PDB file of N, CA and C in Angstrom:
ATOM      1  N   MET A   1       0.816  -1.194   0.000  1.00  0.00           N
ATOM      2  CA  MET A   1       0.000   0.000   0.000  1.00  0.00           C
ATOM      3  C   MET A   1       0.864   1.265   0.000  1.00  0.00           C
ATOM      4  N   LYS A   2       1.970   1.219   0.726  1.00  0.00           N
ATOM      5  CA  LYS A   2       2.842   2.392   0.775  1.00  0.00           C
ATOM      6  C   LYS A   2       3.480   2.662  -0.582  1.00  0.00           C
ATOM      7  N   ILE A   3       3.848   1.605  -1.295  1.00  0.00           N
ATOM      8  CA  ILE A   3       4.462   1.781  -2.609  1.00  0.00           C
ATOM      9  C   ILE A   3       3.463   2.410  -3.574  1.00  0.00           C
ATOM     10  N   ARG A   4       2.224   1.966  -3.505  1.00  0.00           N
ATOM     11  CA  ARG A   4       1.184   2.528  -4.374  1.00  0.00           C
ATOM     12  C   ARG A   4       0.976   4.010  -4.066  1.00  0.00           C
ATOM     13  N   THR A   5       0.961   4.361  -2.802  1.00  0.00           N
ATOM     14  CA  THR A   5       0.785   5.755  -2.405  1.00  0.00           C
ATOM     15  C   THR A   5       1.942   6.610  -2.902  1.00  0.00           C
ATOM     16  N   VAL A   6       3.147   6.112  -2.777  1.00  0.00           N
ATOM     17  CA  VAL A   6       4.323   6.853  -3.251  1.00  0.00           C
ATOM     18  C   VAL A   6       4.245   7.029  -4.765  1.00  0.00           C
ATOM     19  N   ARG A   7       3.837   5.987  -5.476  1.00  0.00           N
ATOM     20  CA  ARG A   7       3.703   6.091  -6.934  1.00  0.00           C
ATOM     21  C   ARG A   7       2.668   7.140  -7.318  1.00  0.00           C
ATOM     22  N   LEU A   8       1.551   7.176  -6.610  1.00  0.00           N
ATOM     23  CA  LEU A   8       0.525   8.167  -6.907  1.00  0.00           C
ATOM     24  C   LEU A   8       1.022   9.589  -6.652  1.00  0.00           C
ATOM     25  N   HIS A   9       1.755   9.768  -5.563  1.00  0.00           N
ATOM     26  CA  HIS A   9       2.306  11.094  -5.268  1.00  0.00           C
ATOM     27  C   HIS A   9       3.332  11.513  -6.310  1.00  0.00           C
ATOM     28  N   VAL A  10       4.163  10.595  -6.729  1.00  0.00           N
ATOM     29  CA  VAL A  10       5.161  10.902  -7.752  1.00  0.00           C
ATOM     30  C   VAL A  10       4.478  11.239  -9.072  1.00  0.00           C
ATOM     31  N   ALA A  11       3.421  10.494  -9.413  1.00  0.00           N
ATOM     32  CA  ALA A  11       2.684  10.769 -10.646  1.00  0.00           C
ATOM     33  C   ALA A  11       2.026  12.151 -10.596  1.00  0.00           C
ATOM     34  N   MET A  12       1.443  12.491  -9.460  1.00  0.00           N
ATOM     35  CA  MET A  12       0.811  13.808  -9.321  1.00  0.00           C
ATOM     36  C   MET A  12       1.846  14.924  -9.408  1.00  0.00           C
ATOM     37  N   LEU A  13       2.976  14.738  -8.759  1.00  0.00           N
ATOM     38  CA  LEU A  13       4.043  15.732  -8.820  1.00  0.00           C
ATOM     39  C   LEU A  13       4.570  15.856 -10.245  1.00  0.00           C
ATOM     40  N   GLY A  14       4.700  14.731 -10.916  1.00  0.00           N
ATOM     41  CA  GLY A  14       5.165  14.738 -12.306  1.00  0.00           C
ATOM     42  C   GLY A  14       4.210  15.492 -13.217  1.00  0.00           C
ATOM     43  N   ARG A  15       2.904  15.272 -13.036  1.00  0.00           N
ATOM     44  CA  ARG A  15       1.910  16.005 -13.835  1.00  0.00           C
ATOM     45  C   ARG A  15       2.013  17.501 -13.582  1.00  0.00           C
ATOM     46  N   TYR A  16       2.211  17.871 -12.335  1.00  0.00           N
ATOM     47  CA  TYR A  16       2.334  19.293 -12.007  1.00  0.00           C
ATOM     48  C   TYR A  16       3.567  19.899 -12.677  1.00  0.00           C
ATOM     49  N   ILE A  17       4.690  19.203 -12.601  1.00  0.00           N
ATOM     50  CA  ILE A  17       5.932  19.699 -13.204  1.00  0.00           C
ATOM     51  C   ILE A  17       5.770  19.828 -14.710  1.00  0.00           C
ATOM     52  N   VAL A  18       5.160  18.830 -15.350  1.00  0.00           N
ATOM     53  CA  VAL A  18       4.941  18.886 -16.799  1.00  0.00           C
ATOM     54  C   VAL A  18       4.043  20.070 -17.149  1.00  0.00           C
ATOM     55  N   MET A  19       2.980  20.297 -16.360  1.00  0.00           N
ATOM     56  CA  MET A  19       2.090  21.427 -16.617  1.00  0.00           C
ATOM     57  C   MET A  19       2.846  22.749 -16.513  1.00  0.00           C
ATOM     58  N   VAL A  20       3.668  22.889 -15.489  1.00  0.00           N
ATOM     59  CA  VAL A  20       4.415  24.137 -15.310  1.00  0.00           C
ATOM     60  C   VAL A  20       5.392  24.352 -16.466  1.00  0.00           C
ATOM     61  N   ILE A  21       6.117  23.321 -16.829  1.00  0.00           N
ATOM     62  CA  ILE A  21       7.112  23.451 -17.908  1.00  0.00           C
ATOM     63  C   ILE A  21       6.433  23.748 -19.239  1.00  0.00           C
ATOM     64  N   LEU A  22       5.378  22.994 -19.568  1.00  0.00           N
ATOM     65  CA  LEU A  22       4.709  23.204 -20.849  1.00  0.00           C
ATOM     66  C   LEU A  22       4.073  24.584 -20.943  1.00  0.00           C
ATOM     67  N   THR A  23       3.390  25.009 -19.894  1.00  0.00           N
ATOM     68  CA  THR A  23       2.766  26.326 -19.957  1.00  0.00           C
ATOM     69  C   THR A  23       3.805  27.446 -19.952  1.00  0.00           C
ATOM     70  N   HIS A  24       4.925  27.203 -19.314  1.00  0.00           N
ATOM     71  CA  HIS A  24       5.964  28.236 -19.283  1.00  0.00           C
ATOM     72  C   HIS A  24       6.591  28.443 -20.659  1.00  0.00           C
ATOM     73  N   PHE A  25       6.876  27.340 -21.353  1.00  0.00           N
ATOM     74  CA  PHE A  25       7.584  27.454 -22.625  1.00  0.00           C
ATOM     75  C   PHE A  25       6.662  27.550 -23.843  1.00  0.00           C
ATOM     76  N   LEU A  26       5.453  27.017 -23.773  1.00  0.00           N
ATOM     77  CA  LEU A  26       4.584  26.999 -24.948  1.00  0.00           C
ATOM     78  C   LEU A  26       3.549  28.115 -24.970  1.00  0.00           C
ATOM     79  N   VAL A  27       3.227  28.680 -23.819  1.00  0.00           N
ATOM     80  CA  VAL A  27       2.201  29.725 -23.759  1.00  0.00           C
ATOM     81  C   VAL A  27       2.893  31.049 -23.476  1.00  0.00           C
ATOM     82  N   HIS A  28       2.655  31.993 -24.365  1.00  0.00           N
ATOM     83  CA  HIS A  28       3.296  33.298 -24.207  1.00  0.00           C
ATOM     84  C   HIS A  28       2.302  34.281 -23.600  1.00  0.00           C
ATOM     85  N   GLY A  29       2.754  34.993 -22.629  1.00  0.00           N
ATOM     86  CA  GLY A  29       1.915  35.969 -21.953  1.00  0.00           C
ATOM     87  C   GLY A  29       1.384  35.417 -20.640  1.00  0.00           C
ATOM     88  N   VAL A  30       1.530  36.202 -19.607  1.00  0.00           N
ATOM     89  CA  VAL A  30       1.125  35.776 -18.270  1.00  0.00           C
ATOM     90  C   VAL A  30      -0.381  35.560 -18.189  1.00  0.00           C
ATOM     91  N   LEU A  31      -1.149  36.428 -18.823  1.00  0.00           N
ATOM     92  CA  LEU A  31      -2.601  36.318 -18.754  1.00  0.00           C
ATOM     93  C   LEU A  31      -3.090  35.019 -19.394  1.00  0.00           C
ATOM     94  N   HIS A  32      -2.553  34.670 -20.563  1.00  0.00           N
ATOM     95  CA  HIS A  32      -2.941  33.422 -21.218  1.00  0.00           C
ATOM     96  C   HIS A  32      -2.523  32.217 -20.384  1.00  0.00           C
ATOM     97  N   ARG A  33      -1.344  32.299 -19.800  1.00  0.00           N
ATOM     98  CA  ARG A  33      -0.851  31.199 -18.959  1.00  0.00           C
ATOM     99  C   ARG A  33      -1.760  31.004 -17.749  1.00  0.00           C
ATOM    100  N   ARG A  34      -2.196  32.087 -17.142  1.00  0.00           N
ATOM    101  CA  ARG A  34      -3.099  31.989 -15.993  1.00  0.00           C
ATOM    102  C   ARG A  34      -4.416  31.331 -16.375  1.00  0.00           C
ATOM    103  N   HIS A  35      -4.942  31.714 -17.533  1.00  0.00           N
ATOM    104  CA  HIS A  35      -6.203  31.117 -17.973  1.00  0.00           C
ATOM    105  C   HIS A  35      -6.062  29.620 -18.233  1.00  0.00           C
ATOM    106  N   ILE A  36      -5.000  29.231 -18.884  1.00  0.00           N
ATOM    107  CA  ILE A  36      -4.802  27.811 -19.195  1.00  0.00           C
ATOM    108  C   ILE A  36      -4.603  26.999 -17.921  1.00  0.00           C
ATOM    109  N   VAL A  37      -3.753  27.472 -17.035  1.00  0.00           N
ATOM    110  CA  VAL A  37      -3.527  26.758 -15.772  1.00  0.00           C
ATOM    111  C   VAL A  37      -4.805  26.736 -14.935  1.00  0.00           C
ATOM    112  N   GLY A  38      -5.554  27.812 -14.948  1.00  0.00           N
ATOM    113  CA  GLY A  38      -6.819  27.860 -14.223  1.00  0.00           C
ATOM    114  C   GLY A  38      -7.807  26.827 -14.734  1.00  0.00           C
ATOM    115  N   TRP A  39      -7.920  26.696 -16.054  1.00  0.00           N
ATOM    116  CA  TRP A  39      -8.822  25.697 -16.632  1.00  0.00           C
ATOM    117  C   TRP A  39      -8.353  24.281 -16.324  1.00  0.00           C
ATOM    118  N   ILE A  40      -7.047  24.071 -16.333  1.00  0.00           N
ATOM    119  CA  ILE A  40      -6.516  22.742 -15.983  1.00  0.00           C
ATOM    120  C   ILE A  40      -6.868  22.414 -14.532  1.00  0.00           C
ATOM    121  N   CYS A  41      -6.679  23.357 -13.636  1.00  0.00           N
ATOM    122  CA  CYS A  41      -6.995  23.133 -12.219  1.00  0.00           C
ATOM    123  C   CYS A  41      -8.493  22.937 -11.999  1.00  0.00           C
ATOM    124  N   LEU A  42      -9.309  23.707 -12.685  1.00  0.00           N
ATOM    125  CA  LEU A  42     -10.756  23.562 -12.564  1.00  0.00           C
ATOM    126  C   LEU A  42     -11.215  22.189 -13.044  1.00  0.00           C
ATOM    127  N   SER A  43     -10.688  21.740 -14.184  1.00  0.00           N
ATOM    128  CA  SER A  43     -11.091  20.428 -14.694  1.00  0.00           C
ATOM    129  C   SER A  43     -10.615  19.314 -13.759  1.00  0.00           C
ATOM    130  N   SER A  44      -9.446  19.458 -13.173  1.00  0.00           N
ATOM    131  CA  SER A  44      -8.966  18.464 -12.213  1.00  0.00           C
ATOM    132  C   SER A  44      -9.855  18.423 -10.977  1.00  0.00           C
ATOM    133  N   SER A  45     -10.275  19.585 -10.524  1.00  0.00           N
ATOM    134  CA  SER A  45     -11.149  19.664  -9.353  1.00  0.00           C
ATOM    135  C   SER A  45     -12.499  19.017  -9.631  1.00  0.00           C
ATOM    136  N   ILE A  46     -13.066  19.283 -10.788  1.00  0.00           N
ATOM    137  CA  ILE A  46     -14.351  18.680 -11.140  1.00  0.00           C
ATOM    138  C   ILE A  46     -14.213  17.167 -11.256  1.00  0.00           C
ATOM    139  N   CYS A  47     -13.112  16.695 -11.833  1.00  0.00           N
ATOM    140  CA  CYS A  47     -12.888  15.244 -11.930  1.00  0.00           C
ATOM    141  C   CYS A  47     -12.797  14.616 -10.543  1.00  0.00           C
ATOM    142  N   LEU A  48     -12.205  15.308  -9.605  1.00  0.00           N
ATOM    143  CA  LEU A  48     -12.107  14.802  -8.239  1.00  0.00           C
ATOM    144  C   LEU A  48     -13.494  14.561  -7.649  1.00  0.00           C
ATOM    145  N   PHE A  49     -14.373  15.533  -7.792  1.00  0.00           N
ATOM    146  CA  PHE A  49     -15.723  15.386  -7.253  1.00  0.00           C
ATOM    147  C   PHE A  49     -16.524  14.348  -8.026  1.00  0.00           C
ATOM    148  N   ALA A  50     -16.379  14.322  -9.334  1.00  0.00           N
ATOM    149  CA  ALA A  50     -17.119  13.347 -10.136  1.00  0.00           C
ATOM    150  C   ALA A  50     -16.673  11.925  -9.822  1.00  0.00           C
ATOM    151  N   ALA A  51     -15.387  11.734  -9.539  1.00  0.00           N
ATOM    152  CA  ALA A  51     -14.893  10.398  -9.199  1.00  0.00           C
ATOM    153  C   ALA A  51     -15.522   9.904  -7.901  1.00  0.00           C
ATOM    154  N   LEU A  52     -15.720  10.798  -6.956  1.00  0.00           N
ATOM    155  CA  LEU A  52     -16.359  10.398  -5.707  1.00  0.00           C
ATOM    156  C   LEU A  52     -17.827  10.040  -5.912  1.00  0.00           C
ATOM    157  N   LEU A  53     -18.445  10.561  -6.966  1.00  0.00           N
ATOM    158  CA  LEU A  53     -19.829  10.212  -7.245  1.00  0.00           C
ATOM    159  C   LEU A  53     -19.965   8.752  -7.668  1.00  0.00           C
ATOM    160  N   LEU A  54     -18.890   8.152  -8.177  1.00  0.00           N
ATOM    161  CA  LEU A  54     -18.935   6.741  -8.543  1.00  0.00           C
ATOM    162  C   LEU A  54     -19.218   5.858  -7.331  1.00  0.00           C
ATOM    163  N   ILE A  55     -18.835   6.339  -6.173  1.00  0.00           N
ATOM    164  CA  ILE A  55     -19.096   5.590  -4.943  1.00  0.00           C
ATOM    165  C   ILE A  55     -20.599   5.505  -4.682  1.00  0.00           C
ATOM    166  N   LEU A  56     -21.342   6.514  -5.156  1.00  0.00           N
ATOM    167  CA  LEU A  56     -22.788   6.516  -4.926  1.00  0.00           C
ATOM    168  C   LEU A  56     -23.451   5.278  -5.515  1.00  0.00           C
ATOM    169  N   LYS A  57     -22.979   4.796  -6.636  1.00  0.00           N
ATOM    170  CA  LYS A  57     -23.550   3.593  -7.239  1.00  0.00           C
ATOM    171  C   LYS A  57     -23.434   2.416  -6.273  1.00  0.00           C
ATOM    172  N   GLN A  58     -22.265   2.290  -5.681  1.00  0.00           N
ATOM    173  CA  GLN A  58     -22.030   1.205  -4.726  1.00  0.00           C
ATOM    174  C   GLN A  58     -22.891   1.391  -3.474  1.00  0.00           C
ATOM    175  N   VAL A  59     -23.051   2.631  -3.026  1.00  0.00           N
ATOM    176  CA  VAL A  59     -23.869   2.909  -1.849  1.00  0.00           C
ATOM    177  C   VAL A  59     -25.336   2.577  -2.130  1.00  0.00           C
ATOM    178  N   ILE A  60     -25.820   2.961  -3.304  1.00  0.00           N
ATOM    179  CA  ILE A  60     -27.220   2.700  -3.651  1.00  0.00           C
ATOM    180  C   ILE A  60     -27.468   1.199  -3.778  1.00  0.00           C
ATOM    181  N   GLN A  61     -26.557   0.482  -4.429  1.00  0.00           N
ATOM    182  CA  GLN A  61     -26.746  -0.955  -4.611  1.00  0.00           C
ATOM    183  C   GLN A  61     -26.699  -1.718  -3.299  1.00  0.00           C
ATOM    184  N   SER A  62     -25.766  -1.363  -2.434  1.00  0.00           N
ATOM    185  CA  SER A  62     -25.610  -2.101  -1.177  1.00  0.00           C
ATOM    186  C   SER A  62     -26.443  -1.510  -0.041  1.00  0.00           C
ATOM    187  N   ARG A  63     -26.943  -0.281  -0.238  1.00  0.00           N
ATOM    188  CA  ARG A  63     -27.647   0.446   0.828  1.00  0.00           C
ATOM    189  C   ARG A  63     -26.798   0.516   2.097  1.00  0.00           C
ATOM    190  N   ASN A  64     -25.512   0.766   1.885  1.00  0.00           N
ATOM    191  CA  ASN A  64     -24.559   0.796   2.980  1.00  0.00           C
ATOM    192  C   ASN A  64     -23.578   1.938   2.729  1.00  0.00           C
ATOM    193  N   VAL A  65     -23.373   2.807   3.714  1.00  0.00           N
ATOM    194  CA  VAL A  65     -22.501   3.970   3.528  1.00  0.00           C
ATOM    195  C   VAL A  65     -21.069   3.731   3.983  1.00  0.00           C
ATOM    196  N   GLU A  66     -20.713   2.498   4.258  1.00  0.00           N
ATOM    197  CA  GLU A  66     -19.351   2.238   4.715  1.00  0.00           C
ATOM    198  C   GLU A  66     -18.317   2.561   3.632  1.00  0.00           C
ATOM    199  N   PHE A  67     -18.731   2.603   2.372  1.00  0.00           N
ATOM    200  CA  PHE A  67     -17.815   2.896   1.274  1.00  0.00           C
ATOM    201  C   PHE A  67     -17.653   4.391   1.045  1.00  0.00           C
ATOM    202  N   MET A  68     -18.488   5.208   1.702  1.00  0.00           N
ATOM    203  CA  MET A  68     -18.474   6.645   1.480  1.00  0.00           C
ATOM    204  C   MET A  68     -17.902   7.357   2.704  1.00  0.00           C
ATOM    205  N   PRO A  69     -16.721   7.929   2.567  1.00  0.00           N
ATOM    206  CA  PRO A  69     -16.114   8.632   3.702  1.00  0.00           C
ATOM    207  C   PRO A  69     -16.771  10.004   3.911  1.00  0.00           C
ATOM    208  N   LEU A  70     -17.553  10.140   4.957  1.00  0.00           N
ATOM    209  CA  LEU A  70     -18.290  11.377   5.214  1.00  0.00           C
ATOM    210  C   LEU A  70     -17.351  12.558   5.439  1.00  0.00           C
ATOM    211  N   LEU A  71     -16.295  12.364   6.216  1.00  0.00           N
ATOM    212  CA  LEU A  71     -15.377  13.472   6.508  1.00  0.00           C
ATOM    213  C   LEU A  71     -14.731  14.010   5.228  1.00  0.00           C
ATOM    214  N   LEU A  72     -14.343  13.109   4.321  1.00  0.00           N
ATOM    215  CA  LEU A  72     -13.762  13.541   3.051  1.00  0.00           C
ATOM    216  C   LEU A  72     -14.796  14.315   2.241  1.00  0.00           C
ATOM    217  N   THR A  73     -16.020  13.841   2.201  1.00  0.00           N
ATOM    218  CA  THR A  73     -17.078  14.513   1.446  1.00  0.00           C
ATOM    219  C   THR A  73     -17.347  15.905   2.003  1.00  0.00           C
ATOM    220  N   VAL A  74     -17.446  16.026   3.308  1.00  0.00           N
ATOM    221  CA  VAL A  74     -17.705  17.333   3.929  1.00  0.00           C
ATOM    222  C   VAL A  74     -16.539  18.288   3.662  1.00  0.00           C
ATOM    223  N   THR A  75     -15.326  17.805   3.822  1.00  0.00           N
ATOM    224  CA  THR A  75     -14.150  18.651   3.601  1.00  0.00           C
ATOM    225  C   THR A  75     -14.076  19.135   2.157  1.00  0.00           C
ATOM    226  N   LEU A  76     -14.299  18.237   1.208  1.00  0.00           N
ATOM    227  CA  LEU A  76     -14.255  18.638  -0.201  1.00  0.00           C
ATOM    228  C   LEU A  76     -15.392  19.594  -0.549  1.00  0.00           C
ATOM    229  N   THR A  77     -16.552  19.412   0.066  1.00  0.00           N
ATOM    230  CA  THR A  77     -17.677  20.317  -0.194  1.00  0.00           C
ATOM    231  C   THR A  77     -17.376  21.715   0.335  1.00  0.00           C
ATOM    232  N   ILE A  78     -16.806  21.793   1.518  1.00  0.00           N
ATOM    233  CA  ILE A  78     -16.430  23.104   2.067  1.00  0.00           C
ATOM    234  C   ILE A  78     -15.369  23.759   1.185  1.00  0.00           C
ATOM    235  N   ASN A  79     -14.410  22.966   0.721  1.00  0.00           N
ATOM    236  CA  ASN A  79     -13.394  23.490  -0.176  1.00  0.00           C
ATOM    237  C   ASN A  79     -14.019  23.971  -1.481  1.00  0.00           C
ATOM    238  N   ALA A  80     -15.019  23.274  -1.976  1.00  0.00           N
ATOM    239  CA  ALA A  80     -15.651  23.641  -3.243  1.00  0.00           C
ATOM    240  C   ALA A  80     -16.414  24.951  -3.146  1.00  0.00           C
ATOM    241  N   VAL A  81     -16.861  25.315  -1.957  1.00  0.00           N
ATOM    242  CA  VAL A  81     -17.550  26.587  -1.791  1.00  0.00           C
ATOM    243  C   VAL A  81     -16.639  27.720  -2.257  1.00  0.00           C
ATOM    244  N   PHE A  82     -15.367  27.571  -2.020  1.00  0.00           N
ATOM    245  CA  PHE A  82     -14.413  28.618  -2.373  1.00  0.00           C
ATOM    246  C   PHE A  82     -13.853  28.452  -3.778  1.00  0.00           C
ATOM    247  N   SER A  83     -14.020  27.278  -4.386  1.00  0.00           N
ATOM    248  CA  SER A  83     -13.363  27.067  -5.676  1.00  0.00           C
ATOM    249  C   SER A  83     -14.325  26.951  -6.856  1.00  0.00           C
ATOM    250  N   ASN A  84     -15.365  26.109  -6.760  1.00  0.00           N
ATOM    251  CA  ASN A  84     -16.262  25.989  -7.909  1.00  0.00           C
ATOM    252  C   ASN A  84     -17.644  25.518  -7.492  1.00  0.00           C
ATOM    253  N   VAL A  85     -18.620  25.936  -8.268  1.00  0.00           N
ATOM    254  CA  VAL A  85     -20.015  25.637  -7.969  1.00  0.00           C
ATOM    255  C   VAL A  85     -20.347  24.177  -8.278  1.00  0.00           C
ATOM    256  N   ILE A  86     -19.778  23.631  -9.337  1.00  0.00           N
ATOM    257  CA  ILE A  86     -20.074  22.243  -9.722  1.00  0.00           C
ATOM    258  C   ILE A  86     -19.602  21.284  -8.634  1.00  0.00           C
ATOM    259  N   GLY A  87     -18.413  21.500  -8.115  1.00  0.00           N
ATOM    260  CA  GLY A  87     -17.898  20.657  -7.043  1.00  0.00           C
ATOM    261  C   GLY A  87     -18.753  20.754  -5.795  1.00  0.00           C
ATOM    262  N   PHE A  88     -19.235  21.942  -5.502  1.00  0.00           N
ATOM    263  CA  PHE A  88     -20.113  22.121  -4.349  1.00  0.00           C
ATOM    264  C   PHE A  88     -21.407  21.330  -4.529  1.00  0.00           C
ATOM    265  N   ALA A  89     -21.973  21.379  -5.724  1.00  0.00           N
ATOM    266  CA  ALA A  89     -23.214  20.638  -5.988  1.00  0.00           C
ATOM    267  C   ALA A  89     -22.979  19.136  -5.854  1.00  0.00           C
ATOM    268  N   PHE A  90     -21.849  18.638  -6.392  1.00  0.00           N
ATOM    269  CA  PHE A  90     -21.520  17.215  -6.253  1.00  0.00           C
ATOM    270  C   PHE A  90     -21.395  16.832  -4.776  1.00  0.00           C
ATOM    271  N   GLY A  91     -20.755  17.665  -3.993  1.00  0.00           N
ATOM    272  CA  GLY A  91     -20.584  17.386  -2.570  1.00  0.00           C
ATOM    273  C   GLY A  91     -21.905  17.354  -1.820  1.00  0.00           C
ATOM    274  N   VAL A  92     -22.800  18.277  -2.151  1.00  0.00           N
ATOM    275  CA  VAL A  92     -24.116  18.298  -1.504  1.00  0.00           C
ATOM    276  C   VAL A  92     -24.883  17.018  -1.837  1.00  0.00           C
ATOM    277  N   VAL A  93     -24.810  16.571  -3.087  1.00  0.00           N
ATOM    278  CA  VAL A  93     -25.478  15.326  -3.484  1.00  0.00           C
ATOM    279  C   VAL A  93     -24.912  14.149  -2.696  1.00  0.00           C
ATOM    280  N   GLN A  94     -23.603  14.097  -2.553  1.00  0.00           N
ATOM    281  CA  GLN A  94     -22.972  13.007  -1.807  1.00  0.00           C
ATOM    282  C   GLN A  94     -23.418  12.997  -0.354  1.00  0.00           C
ATOM    283  N   MET A  95     -23.442  14.163   0.278  1.00  0.00           N
ATOM    284  CA  MET A  95     -23.860  14.210   1.687  1.00  0.00           C
ATOM    285  C   MET A  95     -25.330  13.839   1.840  1.00  0.00           C
ATOM    286  N   ALA A  96     -26.171  14.231   0.881  1.00  0.00           N
ATOM    287  CA  ALA A  96     -27.585  13.857   0.935  1.00  0.00           C
ATOM    288  C   ALA A  96     -27.731  12.339   0.868  1.00  0.00           C
ATOM    289  N   PHE A  97     -26.982  11.712  -0.030  1.00  0.00           N
ATOM    290  CA  PHE A  97     -27.033  10.251  -0.120  1.00  0.00           C
ATOM    291  C   PHE A  97     -26.500   9.608   1.146  1.00  0.00           C
ATOM    292  N   TYR A  98     -25.481  10.193   1.732  1.00  0.00           N
ATOM    293  CA  TYR A  98     -24.937   9.631   2.965  1.00  0.00           C
ATOM    294  C   TYR A  98     -26.009   9.609   4.045  1.00  0.00           C
ATOM    295  N   TRP A  99     -26.670  10.729   4.260  1.00  0.00           N
ATOM    296  CA  TRP A  99     -27.673  10.796   5.309  1.00  0.00           C
ATOM    297  C   TRP A  99     -28.887   9.932   4.976  1.00  0.00           C
ATOM    298  N   TRP A 100     -29.230   9.816   3.693  1.00  0.00           N
ATOM    299  CA  TRP A 100     -30.368   8.995   3.272  1.00  0.00           C
ATOM    300  C   TRP A 100     -30.114   7.525   3.588  1.00  0.00           C
ATOM    301  N   PHE A 101     -28.922   7.040   3.212  1.00  0.00           N
ATOM    302  CA  PHE A 101     -28.620   5.625   3.383  1.00  0.00           C
ATOM    303  C   PHE A 101     -28.048   5.295   4.753  1.00  0.00           C
ATOM    304  N   LYS A 102     -27.696   6.297   5.532  1.00  0.00           N
ATOM    305  CA  LYS A 102     -27.216   6.038   6.883  1.00  0.00           C
ATOM    306  C   LYS A 102     -28.333   5.416   7.716  1.00  0.00           C
ATOM    307  N   GLY A 103     -29.548   5.911   7.551  1.00  0.00           N
ATOM    308  CA  GLY A 103     -30.694   5.352   8.247  1.00  0.00           C
ATOM    309  C   GLY A 103     -30.982   3.932   7.795  1.00  0.00           C
ATOM    310  N   ALA A 104     -30.738   3.645   6.522  1.00  0.00           N
ATOM    311  CA  ALA A 104     -30.957   2.296   6.001  1.00  0.00           C
ATOM    312  C   ALA A 104     -30.002   1.308   6.646  1.00  0.00           C
ATOM    313  N   ASN A 105     -28.792   1.744   6.982  1.00  0.00           N
ATOM    314  CA  ASN A 105     -27.817   0.875   7.649  1.00  0.00           C
ATOM    315  C   ASN A 105     -28.304   0.498   9.047  1.00  0.00           C
ATOM    316  N   ASN A 106     -28.876   1.451   9.769  1.00  0.00           N
ATOM    317  CA  ASN A 106     -29.370   1.177  11.113  1.00  0.00           C
ATOM    318  C   ASN A 106     -30.530   0.187  11.076  1.00  0.00           C
ATOM    319  N   GLU A 107     -31.451   0.366  10.123  1.00  0.00           N
ATOM    320  CA  GLU A 107     -32.580  -0.553   9.982  1.00  0.00           C
ATOM    321  C   GLU A 107     -32.095  -1.943   9.609  1.00  0.00           C
ATOM    322  N   ARG A 108     -31.117  -2.007   8.733  1.00  0.00           N
ATOM    323  CA  ARG A 108     -30.567  -3.277   8.286  1.00  0.00           C
ATOM    324  C   ARG A 108     -29.887  -4.008   9.436  1.00  0.00           C
ATOM    325  N   ALA A 109     -29.147  -3.266  10.285  1.00  0.00           N
ATOM    326  CA  ALA A 109     -28.438  -3.878  11.419  1.00  0.00           C
ATOM    327  C   ALA A 109     -29.434  -4.413  12.444  1.00  0.00           C
ATOM    328  N   GLU A 110     -30.544  -3.701  12.645  1.00  0.00           N
ATOM    329  CA  GLU A 110     -31.551  -4.150  13.619  1.00  0.00           C
ATOM    330  C   GLU A 110     -32.273  -5.397  13.134  1.00  0.00           C
ATOM    331  N   GLY A 111     -32.437  -5.513  11.810  1.00  0.00           N
ATOM    332  CA  GLY A 111     -33.164  -6.649  11.249  1.00  0.00           C
ATOM    333  C   GLY A 111     -32.341  -7.924  11.218  1.00  0.00           C
ATOM    334  N   VAL A 112     -31.028  -7.821  11.346  1.00  0.00           N
ATOM    335  CA  VAL A 112     -30.155  -9.008  11.268  1.00  0.00           C
ATOM    336  C   VAL A 112     -30.064  -9.716  12.567  1.00  0.00           C
TER     337      VAL A 112
END
């Protein structure tokens, strides 16, 4: 698990370095560079929230929220308030599903 985590961190750092180098040498003008880097960061942020929505399928099928980390969802939603509206909407949907299916877990545990 540690090796996988290190590989992911190295890959993320590598992507960042490539983005900085490419935008520095291929994009002329600070304003254009800011726009391009901003769009890259925005798309990465939206992908982060959309990837967490994939967990909702598993939560709906199993009616169990053990696969959905509530603290991560709340933290990302608060962060999205300051960064983008789409991410905030995704976070609100995730928290709604968490609270909806949290009650289903309690009913399921009592019935077993």
